[in-house]
Amino acid sequence: MSNSELQALFLRHMRPLQAYLNAKLRDPQLAADLAQESFTRLTEQYPQGNILDIEAYLYKTAKNLMLDHLRQQQRRQTEAVEDDIL
């Protein structure tokens, strides 16, 4: 993928992807970080030729990153409560 193609994809998809994540997370900075990470992963995986639908890949990656973040956050909260009990 050329730099101009990547830039066009970024311009077309970044704002809607951030809006999707922000609607779920209610945290604009985290939404921006996860959207950026989704694009980073796209640039890493695209050369391997396994991505057939770029938009679907971006949204699926963003959703997975969001779920990973929420699970990690839940785990930290649970550990903090356990530490408080002890």
N, C-alpha and C. Protein backbone atom coordinates (compact mmCIF):
# COMPACT_ATOMS: atom_id res chain seq x y z
N MET A 1 0.85 -1.16 0.00
CA MET A 1 0.00 0.00 0.00
C MET A 1 0.90 1.23 0.00
N SER A 2 0.65 2.11 -0.92
CA SER A 2 1.48 3.31 -1.02
C SER A 2 1.09 4.31 0.07
N ASN A 3 1.97 5.27 0.29
CA ASN A 3 1.68 6.31 1.28
C ASN A 3 0.43 7.10 0.93
N SER A 4 0.24 7.38 -0.36
CA SER A 4 -0.94 8.14 -0.76
C SER A 4 -2.22 7.33 -0.56
N GLU A 5 -2.16 6.02 -0.81
CA GLU A 5 -3.33 5.16 -0.55
C GLU A 5 -3.64 5.10 0.94
N LEU A 6 -2.60 4.98 1.75
CA LEU A 6 -2.78 4.94 3.20
C LEU A 6 -3.36 6.26 3.70
N GLN A 7 -2.85 7.36 3.17
CA GLN A 7 -3.36 8.67 3.57
C GLN A 7 -4.84 8.82 3.20
N ALA A 8 -5.21 8.36 2.01
CA ALA A 8 -6.61 8.43 1.58
C ALA A 8 -7.50 7.58 2.49
N LEU A 9 -7.04 6.39 2.84
CA LEU A 9 -7.79 5.53 3.76
C LEU A 9 -7.95 6.20 5.12
N PHE A 10 -6.86 6.78 5.59
CA PHE A 10 -6.87 7.45 6.89
C PHE A 10 -7.88 8.59 6.88
N LEU A 11 -7.83 9.41 5.85
CA LEU A 11 -8.75 10.55 5.76
C LEU A 11 -10.21 10.10 5.65
N ARG A 12 -10.44 9.01 4.97
CA ARG A 12 -11.81 8.53 4.76
C ARG A 12 -12.37 7.83 6.00
N HIS A 13 -11.53 7.11 6.73
CA HIS A 13 -12.05 6.24 7.79
C HIS A 13 -11.73 6.67 9.23
N MET A 14 -10.76 7.53 9.43
CA MET A 14 -10.34 7.82 10.80
C MET A 14 -11.44 8.47 11.63
N ARG A 15 -12.06 9.51 11.12
CA ARG A 15 -13.08 10.22 11.90
C ARG A 15 -14.28 9.31 12.22
N PRO A 16 -14.84 8.57 11.25
CA PRO A 16 -15.95 7.67 11.59
C PRO A 16 -15.55 6.55 12.56
N LEU A 17 -14.32 6.06 12.42
CA LEU A 17 -13.84 5.02 13.32
C LEU A 17 -13.72 5.56 14.75
N GLN A 18 -13.18 6.75 14.89
CA GLN A 18 -13.09 7.39 16.20
C GLN A 18 -14.48 7.62 16.79
N ALA A 19 -15.42 8.06 15.97
CA ALA A 19 -16.78 8.32 16.44
C ALA A 19 -17.43 7.02 16.93
N TYR A 20 -17.22 5.94 16.19
CA TYR A 20 -17.74 4.62 16.60
C TYR A 20 -17.19 4.23 17.97
N LEU A 21 -15.89 4.35 18.14
CA LEU A 21 -15.26 3.98 19.41
C LEU A 21 -15.68 4.92 20.53
N ASN A 22 -15.76 6.20 20.25
CA ASN A 22 -16.14 7.16 21.28
C ASN A 22 -17.59 6.95 21.73
N ALA A 23 -18.46 6.55 20.82
CA ALA A 23 -19.85 6.27 21.19
C ALA A 23 -19.92 5.10 22.17
N LYS A 24 -19.03 4.15 22.03
CA LYS A 24 -19.00 3.00 22.93
C LYS A 24 -18.27 3.31 24.24
N LEU A 25 -17.17 4.03 24.15
CA LEU A 25 -16.28 4.23 25.30
C LEU A 25 -16.54 5.51 26.08
N ARG A 26 -17.07 6.52 25.42
CA ARG A 26 -17.25 7.85 26.02
C ARG A 26 -15.93 8.42 26.53
N ASP A 27 -14.88 8.18 25.75
CA ASP A 27 -13.54 8.68 26.08
C ASP A 27 -12.85 9.03 24.77
N PRO A 28 -12.89 10.31 24.36
CA PRO A 28 -12.35 10.70 23.06
C PRO A 28 -10.87 10.37 22.87
N GLN A 29 -10.07 10.53 23.91
CA GLN A 29 -8.64 10.25 23.78
C GLN A 29 -8.38 8.76 23.59
N LEU A 30 -9.06 7.92 24.37
CA LEU A 30 -8.92 6.48 24.21
C LEU A 30 -9.42 6.05 22.84
N ALA A 31 -10.53 6.63 22.39
CA ALA A 31 -11.07 6.31 21.06
C ALA A 31 -10.04 6.65 19.98
N ALA A 32 -9.39 7.80 20.11
CA ALA A 32 -8.37 8.20 19.13
C ALA A 32 -7.19 7.24 19.17
N ASP A 33 -6.77 6.85 20.36
CA ASP A 33 -5.63 5.92 20.49
C ASP A 33 -5.95 4.57 19.86
N LEU A 34 -7.14 4.05 20.13
CA LEU A 34 -7.51 2.73 19.59
C LEU A 34 -7.71 2.79 18.07
N ALA A 35 -8.25 3.89 17.58
CA ALA A 35 -8.39 4.05 16.12
C ALA A 35 -7.02 4.09 15.47
N GLN A 36 -6.09 4.82 16.07
CA GLN A 36 -4.73 4.89 15.54
C GLN A 36 -4.07 3.51 15.54
N GLU A 37 -4.26 2.76 16.62
CA GLU A 37 -3.69 1.41 16.69
C GLU A 37 -4.31 0.51 15.63
N SER A 38 -5.57 0.71 15.32
CA SER A 38 -6.22 -0.07 14.26
C SER A 38 -5.55 0.18 12.92
N PHE A 39 -5.23 1.43 12.64
CA PHE A 39 -4.53 1.76 11.39
C PHE A 39 -3.11 1.21 11.40
N THR A 40 -2.45 1.24 12.53
CA THR A 40 -1.10 0.68 12.63
C THR A 40 -1.13 -0.81 12.30
N ARG A 41 -2.10 -1.51 12.85
CA ARG A 41 -2.21 -2.95 12.58
C ARG A 41 -2.56 -3.21 11.11
N LEU A 42 -3.37 -2.34 10.53
CA LEU A 42 -3.68 -2.47 9.11
C LEU A 42 -2.40 -2.38 8.28
N THR A 43 -1.55 -1.41 8.57
CA THR A 43 -0.32 -1.25 7.79
C THR A 43 0.63 -2.42 7.99
N GLU A 44 0.55 -3.08 9.15
CA GLU A 44 1.39 -4.25 9.40
C GLU A 44 0.87 -5.49 8.68
N GLN A 45 -0.45 -5.64 8.61
CA GLN A 45 -1.05 -6.85 8.05
C GLN A 45 -1.33 -6.78 6.55
N TYR A 46 -1.54 -5.59 6.02
CA TYR A 46 -1.92 -5.45 4.62
C TYR A 46 -0.92 -6.07 3.64
N PRO A 47 0.39 -5.88 3.86
CA PRO A 47 1.34 -6.46 2.90
C PRO A 47 1.27 -7.99 2.79
N GLN A 48 0.74 -8.65 3.80
CA GLN A 48 0.64 -10.11 3.76
C GLN A 48 -0.48 -10.58 2.84
N GLY A 49 -1.35 -9.66 2.44
CA GLY A 49 -2.40 -9.99 1.48
C GLY A 49 -3.61 -10.70 2.05
N ASN A 50 -3.77 -10.67 3.37
CA ASN A 50 -4.89 -11.37 4.00
C ASN A 50 -6.12 -10.51 4.20
N ILE A 51 -6.06 -9.24 3.86
CA ILE A 51 -7.17 -8.33 4.11
C ILE A 51 -7.94 -8.11 2.81
N LEU A 52 -9.19 -8.55 2.81
CA LEU A 52 -10.03 -8.41 1.62
C LEU A 52 -10.91 -7.16 1.69
N ASP A 53 -11.34 -6.79 2.89
CA ASP A 53 -12.22 -5.64 3.09
C ASP A 53 -11.57 -4.75 4.15
N ILE A 54 -10.97 -3.67 3.71
CA ILE A 54 -10.19 -2.80 4.61
C ILE A 54 -11.08 -2.18 5.67
N GLU A 55 -12.25 -1.70 5.30
CA GLU A 55 -13.14 -1.08 6.28
C GLU A 55 -13.57 -2.08 7.35
N ALA A 56 -13.94 -3.28 6.93
CA ALA A 56 -14.33 -4.31 7.89
C ALA A 56 -13.16 -4.66 8.80
N TYR A 57 -11.95 -4.73 8.24
CA TYR A 57 -10.77 -5.03 9.05
C TYR A 57 -10.55 -3.95 10.10
N LEU A 58 -10.66 -2.69 9.71
CA LEU A 58 -10.46 -1.59 10.65
C LEU A 58 -11.46 -1.64 11.80
N TYR A 59 -12.73 -1.85 11.47
CA TYR A 59 -13.76 -1.85 12.52
C TYR A 59 -13.65 -3.09 13.40
N LYS A 60 -13.34 -4.23 12.82
CA LYS A 60 -13.18 -5.45 13.62
C LYS A 60 -11.98 -5.31 14.55
N THR A 61 -10.88 -4.77 14.03
CA THR A 61 -9.69 -4.56 14.85
C THR A 61 -9.98 -3.57 15.96
N ALA A 62 -10.67 -2.48 15.64
CA ALA A 62 -11.01 -1.48 16.65
C ALA A 62 -11.90 -2.08 17.73
N LYS A 63 -12.87 -2.87 17.33
CA LYS A 63 -13.75 -3.52 18.31
C LYS A 63 -12.96 -4.45 19.21
N ASN A 64 -12.07 -5.25 18.63
CA ASN A 64 -11.26 -6.17 19.43
C ASN A 64 -10.34 -5.42 20.38
N LEU A 65 -9.74 -4.34 19.92
CA LEU A 65 -8.89 -3.53 20.79
C LEU A 65 -9.70 -2.93 21.93
N MET A 66 -10.90 -2.48 21.63
CA MET A 66 -11.77 -1.91 22.65
C MET A 66 -12.14 -2.97 23.69
N LEU A 67 -12.52 -4.15 23.23
CA LEU A 67 -12.87 -5.23 24.16
C LEU A 67 -11.68 -5.64 25.01
N ASP A 68 -10.50 -5.72 24.40
CA ASP A 68 -9.29 -6.03 25.16
C ASP A 68 -9.05 -4.98 26.24
N HIS A 69 -9.21 -3.73 25.88
CA HIS A 69 -9.02 -2.64 26.85
C HIS A 69 -10.02 -2.75 28.00
N LEU A 70 -11.28 -2.99 27.68
CA LEU A 70 -12.31 -3.09 28.71
C LEU A 70 -12.07 -4.29 29.63
N ARG A 71 -11.64 -5.42 29.06
CA ARG A 71 -11.32 -6.59 29.88
C ARG A 71 -10.15 -6.30 30.82
N GLN A 72 -9.13 -5.65 30.28
CA GLN A 72 -7.97 -5.30 31.09
C GLN A 72 -8.36 -4.33 32.21
N GLN A 73 -9.20 -3.37 31.89
CA GLN A 73 -9.66 -2.41 32.88
C GLN A 73 -10.47 -3.12 33.98
N GLN A 74 -11.33 -4.04 33.58
CA GLN A 74 -12.13 -4.80 34.54
C GLN A 74 -11.22 -5.64 35.45
N ARG A 75 -10.21 -6.25 34.86
CA ARG A 75 -9.26 -7.06 35.62
C ARG A 75 -8.54 -6.21 36.67
N ARG A 76 -8.11 -5.02 36.27
CA ARG A 76 -7.42 -4.12 37.21
C ARG A 76 -8.34 -3.71 38.34
N GLN A 77 -9.60 -3.43 38.03
CA GLN A 77 -10.55 -3.04 39.07
C GLN A 77 -10.80 -4.19 40.04
N THR A 78 -10.91 -5.39 39.52
CA THR A 78 -11.12 -6.57 40.36
C THR A 78 -9.92 -6.79 41.27
N GLU A 79 -8.72 -6.65 40.71
CA GLU A 79 -7.51 -6.82 41.51
C GLU A 79 -7.42 -5.75 42.60
N ALA A 80 -7.82 -4.53 42.29
CA ALA A 80 -7.78 -3.44 43.27
C ALA A 80 -8.74 -3.72 44.42
N VAL A 81 -9.93 -4.24 44.11
CA VAL A 81 -10.90 -4.57 45.14
C VAL A 81 -10.37 -5.70 46.01
N GLU A 82 -9.77 -6.71 45.38
CA GLU A 82 -9.20 -7.82 46.15
C GLU A 82 -8.09 -7.34 47.07
N ASP A 83 -7.26 -6.43 46.59
CA ASP A 83 -6.19 -5.88 47.42
C ASP A 83 -6.77 -5.08 48.59
N ASP A 84 -7.85 -4.36 48.35
CA ASP A 84 -8.49 -3.58 49.42
C ASP A 84 -9.07 -4.49 50.50
N ILE A 85 -9.61 -5.62 50.09
CA ILE A 85 -10.21 -6.57 51.03
C ILE A 85 -9.13 -7.18 51.92
N LEU A 86 -7.99 -7.47 51.33
CA LEU A 86 -6.91 -8.08 52.10
C LEU A 86 -6.28 -7.02 52.96
